[in-house]
């Protein structure tokens, strides 16, 4: 019989990321097992009946639950400080499920304007098709939140730090306002990771991640997760996921478990490297702006310092030469890759106006501070001096 050591209340995040939620089979394996199965068998027909009637707690079908996926969910919940989590096939399926599971025609929801393009599309294009009214606000303006939340609201959705402009939203203040309107608060915490920011401790109700980013951390697999209270996860989210089927594969869950084991080490180095790069970029006279929450020049630096333990690995900056200059700059890269992904061990650069946010009108991009000269740099784990050298030679090419 395998020994499964219970989680200790005194264990810290780094320990939970390595050992939390571990379940060993009868073989007593050290590394987590991949249960690559779609279904499960029963010795008697009565056992299947009991399982489907929820009389017993057991695995039925991997669209519903799977041992490897359960380990990932449990480990993430322990790190986040949530009652439980439900994993999904991608980060966007986590975002959509977190919202769609609790709205119906006639409901009102509020979202911050500075969002990843697909998140904004869900709020402004998909949900309204089903009779849900969406109000979009400047997430940094609490007066706009207060006005939007003067009526009953189902949820408020924020992304902080935001993608790509790195706006910082006051989670506690927004949560206080939202709860007065009867709304749950959903925070997309992907840029901060569960190690740098704890939305649930700041008053939020639900946290979502694209595990594809820092949790995997090496560009291998897609995955997502929604974390929150037991009532929400079991009675609202679980039925939606069970019947719509955005299930995380056991293999991808295993990759995410392995990623969590090194998350603390990687995030520390990511942040160290990003600070070096942000400090360098701020010295350049050919840049119209540099955005990094760790810089004192960031308009919400003090807020970021209060609600984050460090500032992440993403830096955004705008070249005065606009799109033409930025494309020459990007095409000159010898080390940094052009890619719309982030949170990877490799440094990655993208031009949001023509990729992740290309669907937005020029006016909408301008309202986000997203000009044609802006690039988003996800600083990787290389030696930061090599990243600096690459940036220097690329700037020289412009």
Protein backbone atom coordinates (compact mmCIF):
# COMPACT_ATOMS: atom_id res chain seq x y z
CA UNK A 1 0.00 0.00 0.00
CA UNK A 2 1.40 3.40 -1.00
CA UNK A 3 2.05 6.06 1.63
CA UNK A 4 0.44 9.46 0.95
CA UNK A 5 1.75 11.96 3.46
CA UNK A 6 -0.89 14.50 4.47
CA UNK A 7 -0.26 18.18 3.77
CA UNK A 8 0.95 20.05 6.83
CA UNK A 9 -0.62 23.41 7.68
CA UNK A 10 2.86 24.83 8.28
CA UNK A 11 4.12 24.06 4.77
CA UNK A 12 5.05 27.15 2.76
CA UNK A 13 4.30 27.83 -0.90
CA UNK A 14 7.61 26.44 -2.19
CA UNK A 15 7.00 23.15 -0.37
CA UNK A 16 3.37 22.94 -1.48
CA UNK A 17 4.48 23.47 -5.09
CA UNK A 18 6.62 20.33 -4.81
CA UNK A 19 4.50 18.07 -2.61
CA UNK A 20 0.95 19.43 -2.37
CA UNK A 21 -1.83 17.12 -3.55
CA UNK A 22 0.46 14.17 -4.27
CA UNK A 23 -1.32 10.82 -4.53
CA UNK A 24 0.66 7.61 -4.90
CA UNK A 25 -0.74 4.45 -6.40
CA UNK A 26 -0.22 0.98 -4.94
CA UNK A 27 3.20 0.98 -6.65
CA UNK A 28 4.54 3.77 -4.41
CA UNK A 29 6.05 5.83 -7.24
CA UNK A 30 8.18 8.90 -6.41
CA UNK A 31 7.09 10.97 -9.42
CA UNK A 32 3.41 11.60 -9.99
CA UNK A 33 1.79 8.99 -12.21
CA UNK A 34 0.11 9.83 -15.52
CA UNK A 35 -3.28 8.14 -15.53
CA UNK A 36 -3.71 8.06 -19.30
CA UNK A 37 -7.22 6.68 -19.32
CA UNK A 38 -10.54 7.95 -20.58
CA UNK A 39 -12.69 5.65 -18.46
CA UNK A 40 -12.74 3.46 -15.37
CA UNK A 41 -14.13 -0.03 -14.74
CA UNK A 42 -16.44 -1.44 -12.10
CA UNK A 43 -16.54 -4.90 -10.58
CA UNK A 44 -20.32 -4.86 -10.35
CA UNK A 45 -23.11 -2.92 -12.10
CA UNK A 46 -24.26 -1.69 -8.70
CA UNK A 47 -20.94 0.13 -8.27
CA UNK A 48 -21.51 2.09 -11.50
CA UNK A 49 -25.00 3.03 -10.37
CA UNK A 50 -23.68 4.27 -7.02
CA UNK A 51 -20.94 6.27 -8.75
CA UNK A 52 -23.31 8.01 -11.15
CA UNK A 53 -25.74 8.78 -8.33
CA UNK A 54 -22.88 10.33 -6.31
CA UNK A 55 -23.33 7.78 -3.53
CA UNK A 56 -19.59 7.05 -3.62
CA UNK A 57 -16.60 9.24 -4.41
CA UNK A 58 -14.74 7.60 -7.28
CA UNK A 59 -13.55 8.29 -10.80
CA UNK A 60 -16.16 7.76 -13.51
CA UNK A 61 -14.87 9.33 -16.72
CA UNK A 62 -11.86 11.56 -17.38
CA UNK A 63 -14.07 14.31 -18.79
CA UNK A 64 -15.36 14.57 -15.22
CA UNK A 65 -12.21 13.85 -13.22
CA UNK A 66 -8.88 12.06 -13.42
CA UNK A 67 -6.27 11.24 -10.74
CA UNK A 68 -3.44 13.18 -12.41
CA UNK A 69 -5.67 16.18 -13.08
CA UNK A 70 -6.94 16.05 -9.51
CA UNK A 71 -3.37 16.24 -8.21
CA UNK A 72 -2.76 19.38 -10.28
CA UNK A 73 -6.03 20.93 -9.08
CA UNK A 74 -5.28 20.16 -5.44
CA UNK A 75 -1.72 21.45 -5.64
CA UNK A 76 -2.80 24.70 -7.26
CA UNK A 77 -5.54 25.21 -4.66
CA UNK A 78 -3.03 24.75 -1.85
CA UNK A 79 -0.58 27.25 -3.37
CA UNK A 80 -3.34 29.77 -4.09
CA UNK A 81 -5.02 29.38 -0.71
CA UNK A 82 -8.32 28.43 -2.37
CA UNK A 83 -10.84 25.85 -1.21
CA UNK A 84 -10.51 24.02 -4.52
CA UNK A 85 -9.73 24.39 -8.20
CA UNK A 86 -11.05 23.01 -11.47
CA UNK A 87 -8.60 22.52 -14.34
CA UNK A 88 -9.41 23.14 -18.01
CA UNK A 89 -7.85 22.45 -21.39
CA UNK A 90 -6.62 26.04 -21.94
CA UNK A 91 -6.39 29.35 -20.17
CA UNK A 92 -9.18 30.81 -22.27
CA UNK A 93 -11.50 27.90 -21.46
CA UNK A 94 -10.82 28.67 -17.79
CA UNK A 95 -11.70 32.33 -18.32
CA UNK A 96 -14.87 31.57 -20.27
CA UNK A 97 -16.04 28.85 -17.89
CA UNK A 98 -15.46 31.05 -14.83
CA UNK A 99 -17.90 33.59 -16.29
CA UNK A 100 -20.37 31.55 -18.32
CA UNK A 101 -21.18 29.11 -15.53
CA UNK A 102 -22.93 31.79 -13.49
CA UNK A 103 -24.73 34.10 -15.93
CA UNK A 104 -28.06 34.00 -17.73
CA UNK A 105 -29.98 36.34 -19.99
CA UNK A 106 -30.70 39.65 -18.29
CA UNK A 107 -27.63 39.62 -16.05
CA UNK A 108 -25.22 42.54 -15.85
CA UNK A 109 -21.42 42.14 -15.67
CA UNK A 110 -18.54 44.61 -15.48
CA UNK A 111 -15.03 44.26 -16.86
CA UNK A 112 -11.92 46.39 -16.94
CA UNK A 113 -10.96 47.68 -20.39
CA UNK A 114 -7.31 46.64 -20.23
CA UNK A 115 -7.65 42.93 -20.98
CA UNK A 116 -6.13 40.29 -23.22
CA UNK A 117 -7.94 40.45 -26.57
CA UNK A 118 -9.81 37.15 -26.20
CA UNK A 119 -11.00 38.04 -22.68
CA UNK A 120 -12.40 41.32 -23.97
CA UNK A 121 -14.06 39.45 -26.86
CA UNK A 122 -15.90 37.17 -24.43
CA UNK A 123 -17.20 40.14 -22.47
CA UNK A 124 -18.16 42.37 -25.38
CA UNK A 125 -19.07 39.89 -28.16
CA UNK A 126 -19.98 36.45 -26.82
CA UNK A 127 -21.87 37.12 -23.58
CA UNK A 128 -24.08 39.86 -25.10
CA UNK A 129 -25.27 37.33 -27.72
CA UNK A 130 -26.86 35.41 -24.86
CA UNK A 131 -28.55 38.43 -23.34
CA UNK A 132 -25.87 39.40 -20.83
CA UNK A 133 -25.20 43.13 -20.59
CA UNK A 134 -21.54 44.14 -20.22
CA UNK A 135 -20.20 47.44 -18.93
CA UNK A 136 -16.53 48.15 -19.65
CA UNK A 137 -14.65 50.57 -17.40
CA UNK A 138 -11.17 51.99 -17.02
CA UNK A 139 -9.92 49.52 -14.43
CA UNK A 140 -7.66 52.04 -12.73
CA UNK A 141 -10.52 54.52 -12.16
CA UNK A 142 -12.46 53.59 -9.02
CA UNK A 143 -15.11 56.21 -9.80
CA UNK A 144 -15.99 54.32 -12.99
CA UNK A 145 -16.20 51.07 -11.02
CA UNK A 146 -18.49 52.71 -8.49
CA UNK A 147 -20.81 54.03 -11.21
CA UNK A 148 -20.93 50.70 -13.04
CA UNK A 149 -21.64 48.78 -9.85
CA UNK A 150 -24.58 50.89 -8.68
CA UNK A 151 -26.93 48.23 -10.06
CA UNK A 152 -27.10 44.48 -9.36
CA UNK A 153 -24.18 42.78 -11.05
CA UNK A 154 -23.27 39.11 -11.44
CA UNK A 155 -19.49 39.47 -11.60
CA UNK A 156 -16.62 41.90 -12.10
CA UNK A 157 -13.66 40.72 -14.18
CA UNK A 158 -10.18 42.20 -13.91
CA UNK A 159 -6.72 41.38 -15.17
CA UNK A 160 -3.86 42.76 -13.10
CA UNK A 161 -1.17 43.35 -14.19
CA UNK A 162 -2.97 43.77 -17.50
CA UNK A 163 -1.93 42.47 -20.88
CA UNK A 164 -0.06 44.15 -22.54
CA UNK A 165 0.08 47.60 -20.91
CA UNK A 166 0.68 46.36 -17.33
CA UNK A 167 -2.03 48.44 -15.68
CA UNK A 168 -2.46 47.61 -12.00
CA UNK A 169 -6.02 47.29 -10.63
CA UNK A 170 -6.78 47.80 -6.94
CA UNK A 171 -8.20 44.35 -6.18
CA UNK A 172 -9.32 45.17 -2.64
CA UNK A 173 -11.12 48.39 -3.63
CA UNK A 174 -12.84 46.79 -6.63
CA UNK A 175 -13.85 43.78 -4.53
CA UNK A 176 -15.40 46.00 -1.86
CA UNK A 177 -17.45 47.85 -4.47
CA UNK A 178 -18.45 44.69 -6.32
CA UNK A 179 -19.61 42.86 -3.22
CA UNK A 180 -21.97 45.73 -2.40
CA UNK A 181 -23.59 45.09 -5.79
CA UNK A 182 -23.86 41.36 -5.07
CA UNK A 183 -21.12 40.57 -7.58
CA UNK A 184 -18.34 38.01 -7.44
CA UNK A 185 -14.88 39.24 -8.44
CA UNK A 186 -12.84 37.22 -10.95
CA UNK A 187 -9.13 38.03 -11.26
CA UNK A 188 -6.99 36.87 -14.15
CA UNK A 189 -3.73 36.55 -12.23
CA UNK A 190 -1.60 35.10 -15.00
CA UNK A 191 1.09 37.81 -15.13
CA UNK A 192 1.58 37.72 -11.36
CA UNK A 193 1.36 33.92 -10.86
CA UNK A 194 0.12 32.51 -7.53
CA UNK A 195 3.50 33.33 -5.98
CA UNK A 196 3.57 37.11 -6.53
CA UNK A 197 -0.06 38.08 -5.87
CA UNK A 198 -2.87 36.54 -3.81
CA UNK A 199 -6.19 37.92 -5.11
CA UNK A 200 -8.29 35.85 -2.69
CA UNK A 201 -6.49 37.44 0.25
CA UNK A 202 -7.24 40.86 -1.27
CA UNK A 203 -10.99 40.25 -1.42
CA UNK A 204 -11.49 38.53 -4.79
CA UNK A 205 -13.69 35.45 -5.06
CA UNK A 206 -12.31 33.60 -8.09
CA UNK A 207 -8.86 33.40 -9.67
CA UNK A 208 -8.11 32.13 -13.19
CA UNK A 209 -4.83 31.15 -14.83
CA UNK A 210 -3.53 30.16 -18.17
CA UNK A 211 -1.24 27.40 -16.92
CA UNK A 212 0.28 27.50 -20.40
CA UNK A 213 2.34 30.47 -19.25
CA UNK A 214 4.58 30.46 -16.15
CA UNK A 215 3.12 27.30 -14.57
CA UNK A 216 4.33 25.16 -17.46
CA UNK A 217 7.03 27.74 -18.07
CA UNK A 218 8.73 26.00 -20.97
CA UNK A 219 6.28 26.32 -23.85
CA UNK A 220 5.18 22.68 -23.91
CA UNK A 221 1.48 22.35 -23.09
CA UNK A 222 -1.82 24.17 -22.95
CA UNK A 223 -3.84 24.27 -19.74
CA UNK A 224 -5.91 26.45 -17.45
CA UNK A 225 -7.46 26.45 -14.01
CA UNK A 226 -10.22 28.22 -12.07
CA UNK A 227 -9.85 28.51 -8.29
CA UNK A 228 -12.36 29.66 -5.69
CA UNK A 229 -14.75 28.67 -2.92
CA UNK A 230 -16.24 25.20 -2.51
CA UNK A 231 -19.83 26.24 -3.22
CA UNK A 232 -18.90 28.04 -6.45
CA UNK A 233 -16.53 25.31 -7.68
CA UNK A 234 -18.77 22.35 -6.82
CA UNK A 235 -22.26 23.67 -7.46
CA UNK A 236 -21.79 26.30 -10.17
CA UNK A 237 -18.57 25.63 -12.06
CA UNK A 238 -18.36 21.82 -11.90
CA UNK A 239 -21.70 21.11 -13.68
CA UNK A 240 -20.79 23.56 -16.44
CA UNK A 241 -17.40 21.93 -17.00
CA UNK A 242 -18.79 18.41 -16.76
CA UNK A 243 -21.39 18.97 -19.46
CA UNK A 244 -19.42 21.24 -21.81
CA UNK A 245 -16.18 19.25 -21.62
CA UNK A 246 -13.11 21.56 -21.71
CA UNK A 247 -11.11 18.88 -19.89
CA UNK A 248 -7.39 19.06 -19.18
CA UNK A 249 -5.56 15.99 -20.46
CA UNK A 250 -3.73 13.83 -17.89
CA UNK A 251 -0.42 14.30 -19.71
CA UNK A 252 -0.75 18.09 -19.69
CA UNK A 253 -1.72 17.99 -16.01
CA UNK A 254 1.44 16.00 -15.32
CA UNK A 255 3.55 18.57 -17.19
CA UNK A 256 1.96 21.33 -15.10
CA UNK A 257 2.72 19.41 -11.89
CA UNK A 258 6.37 19.19 -12.93
CA UNK A 259 6.33 22.90 -13.78
CA UNK A 260 5.04 23.79 -10.32
CA UNK A 261 8.03 22.08 -8.72
CA UNK A 262 10.37 24.73 -10.14
CA UNK A 263 7.93 27.66 -10.28
CA UNK A 264 9.42 29.52 -7.30
CA UNK A 265 12.98 29.24 -8.60
CA UNK A 266 11.98 30.33 -12.09
CA UNK A 267 9.81 33.24 -11.01
CA UNK A 268 12.57 34.63 -8.80
CA UNK A 269 15.00 34.61 -11.73
CA UNK A 270 12.36 35.95 -14.13
CA UNK A 271 11.79 38.93 -11.83
CA UNK A 272 15.50 39.58 -11.31
CA UNK A 273 16.12 39.56 -15.06
CA UNK A 274 13.10 41.75 -15.82
CA UNK A 275 14.30 44.41 -13.38
CA UNK A 276 17.65 44.57 -15.16
CA UNK A 277 15.97 44.91 -18.55
CA UNK A 278 13.41 47.49 -17.38
CA UNK A 279 16.12 49.66 -15.79
CA UNK A 280 18.10 49.56 -19.03
CA UNK A 281 15.11 50.38 -21.24
CA UNK A 282 14.24 53.39 -19.09
CA UNK A 283 17.59 54.96 -19.94
CA UNK A 284 16.93 54.95 -23.70
CA UNK A 285 15.94 58.27 -25.24
CA UNK A 286 14.41 56.65 -28.33
CA UNK A 287 11.61 55.04 -26.32
CA UNK A 288 8.40 57.00 -25.84
CA UNK A 289 7.55 55.01 -22.69
CA UNK A 290 8.56 52.02 -20.65
CA UNK A 291 5.99 50.17 -18.52
CA UNK A 292 7.04 47.83 -15.73
CA UNK A 293 5.30 47.78 -12.32
CA UNK A 294 8.66 47.67 -10.57
CA UNK A 295 9.72 51.04 -11.98
CA UNK A 296 8.89 54.09 -9.87
CA UNK A 297 7.81 55.77 -13.10
CA UNK A 298 4.91 53.32 -13.44
CA UNK A 299 1.69 55.22 -12.63
CA UNK A 300 0.51 52.50 -10.20
CA UNK A 301 3.91 51.51 -8.81
CA UNK A 302 2.90 52.10 -5.19
CA UNK A 303 -0.25 50.01 -5.59
CA UNK A 304 1.73 47.22 -7.24
CA UNK A 305 4.20 47.27 -4.35
CA UNK A 306 1.31 46.91 -1.87
CA UNK A 307 -0.50 44.02 -3.50
CA UNK A 308 2.39 42.14 -5.15
CA UNK A 309 5.48 40.60 -3.57
CA UNK A 310 7.45 41.18 -6.80
CA UNK A 311 6.68 42.62 -10.22
CA UNK A 312 6.82 39.77 -12.72
CA UNK A 313 8.74 39.22 -15.93
CA UNK A 314 6.80 41.23 -18.52
CA UNK A 315 7.99 44.65 -19.71
CA UNK A 316 6.21 46.81 -22.28
CA UNK A 317 7.82 49.70 -24.16
CA UNK A 318 7.03 51.94 -27.11
CA UNK A 319 9.48 53.08 -29.77
CA UNK A 320 9.09 56.61 -31.07
CA UNK A 321 9.46 55.34 -34.64
CA UNK A 322 6.16 53.46 -34.55
CA UNK A 323 5.37 50.17 -36.27
CA UNK A 324 8.02 50.48 -39.00
CA UNK A 325 10.82 51.02 -36.50
CA UNK A 326 9.53 48.31 -34.17
CA UNK A 327 9.36 45.73 -36.96
CA UNK A 328 12.99 46.49 -37.92
CA UNK A 329 13.90 46.16 -34.24
CA UNK A 330 12.11 42.81 -33.86
CA UNK A 331 13.47 41.41 -37.12
CA UNK A 332 17.02 42.19 -35.99
CA UNK A 333 16.79 39.93 -32.92
CA UNK A 334 19.49 37.26 -32.72
CA UNK A 335 18.56 35.79 -29.31
CA UNK A 336 15.05 36.92 -28.37
CA UNK A 337 12.29 35.11 -30.27
CA UNK A 338 9.24 36.71 -31.83
CA UNK A 339 6.26 34.94 -30.27
CA UNK A 340 2.88 35.83 -28.81
CA UNK A 341 3.40 33.48 -25.84
CA UNK A 342 4.84 34.60 -22.49
CA UNK A 343 6.10 33.20 -19.20
CA UNK A 344 8.55 30.95 -21.05
CA UNK A 345 12.14 30.18 -20.07
CA UNK A 346 13.05 31.84 -23.37
CA UNK A 347 12.71 35.61 -23.80
CA UNK A 348 9.82 36.33 -26.18
CA UNK A 349 8.81 39.54 -27.94
CA UNK A 350 5.51 40.42 -29.60
CA UNK A 351 3.83 43.41 -31.24
CA UNK A 352 0.36 43.46 -29.63
CA UNK A 353 -1.25 45.87 -32.10
CA UNK A 354 -0.82 43.35 -34.93
CA UNK A 355 -1.16 40.11 -32.93
CA UNK A 356 -2.92 39.66 -29.59
CA UNK A 357 -4.92 42.90 -29.86
CA UNK A 358 -5.23 43.24 -33.64
CA UNK A 359 -9.04 42.91 -33.53
CA UNK A 360 -9.39 46.17 -31.60
CA UNK A 361 -10.04 49.40 -33.43
CA UNK A 362 -7.27 52.02 -33.40
CA UNK A 363 -9.44 54.05 -31.02
CA UNK A 364 -9.82 51.14 -28.61
CA UNK A 365 -6.09 50.43 -28.71
CA UNK A 366 -5.40 54.10 -28.03
CA UNK A 367 -7.69 53.99 -24.99
CA UNK A 368 -5.49 51.20 -23.63
CA UNK A 369 -2.30 53.13 -24.29
CA UNK A 370 -1.45 50.51 -26.91
CA UNK A 371 0.21 52.42 -29.74
CA UNK A 372 1.77 51.05 -32.93
CA UNK A 373 5.23 51.40 -31.44
CA UNK A 374 4.55 49.20 -28.40
CA UNK A 375 6.15 45.81 -27.91
CA UNK A 376 5.67 43.35 -25.07
CA UNK A 377 8.77 41.57 -23.83
CA UNK A 378 8.47 38.45 -21.69
CA UNK A 379 11.91 38.24 -20.10
CA UNK A 380 13.20 34.69 -19.87
CA UNK A 381 15.81 32.83 -17.89
CA UNK A 382 18.84 33.56 -20.04
CA UNK A 383 21.74 35.55 -18.61
CA UNK A 384 20.29 39.08 -18.59
CA UNK A 385 23.52 40.48 -20.06
CA UNK A 386 22.95 38.39 -23.19
CA UNK A 387 19.39 39.72 -23.42
CA UNK A 388 20.73 43.26 -23.02
CA UNK A 389 23.30 42.67 -25.76
CA UNK A 390 20.56 41.49 -28.10
CA UNK A 391 18.39 44.50 -27.35
CA UNK A 392 21.35 46.85 -27.90
CA UNK A 393 22.21 45.44 -31.31
CA UNK A 394 18.54 45.42 -32.36
CA UNK A 395 18.11 49.05 -31.34
CA UNK A 396 21.23 49.86 -33.36
CA UNK A 397 19.63 48.23 -36.40
CA UNK A 398 16.74 50.70 -36.13
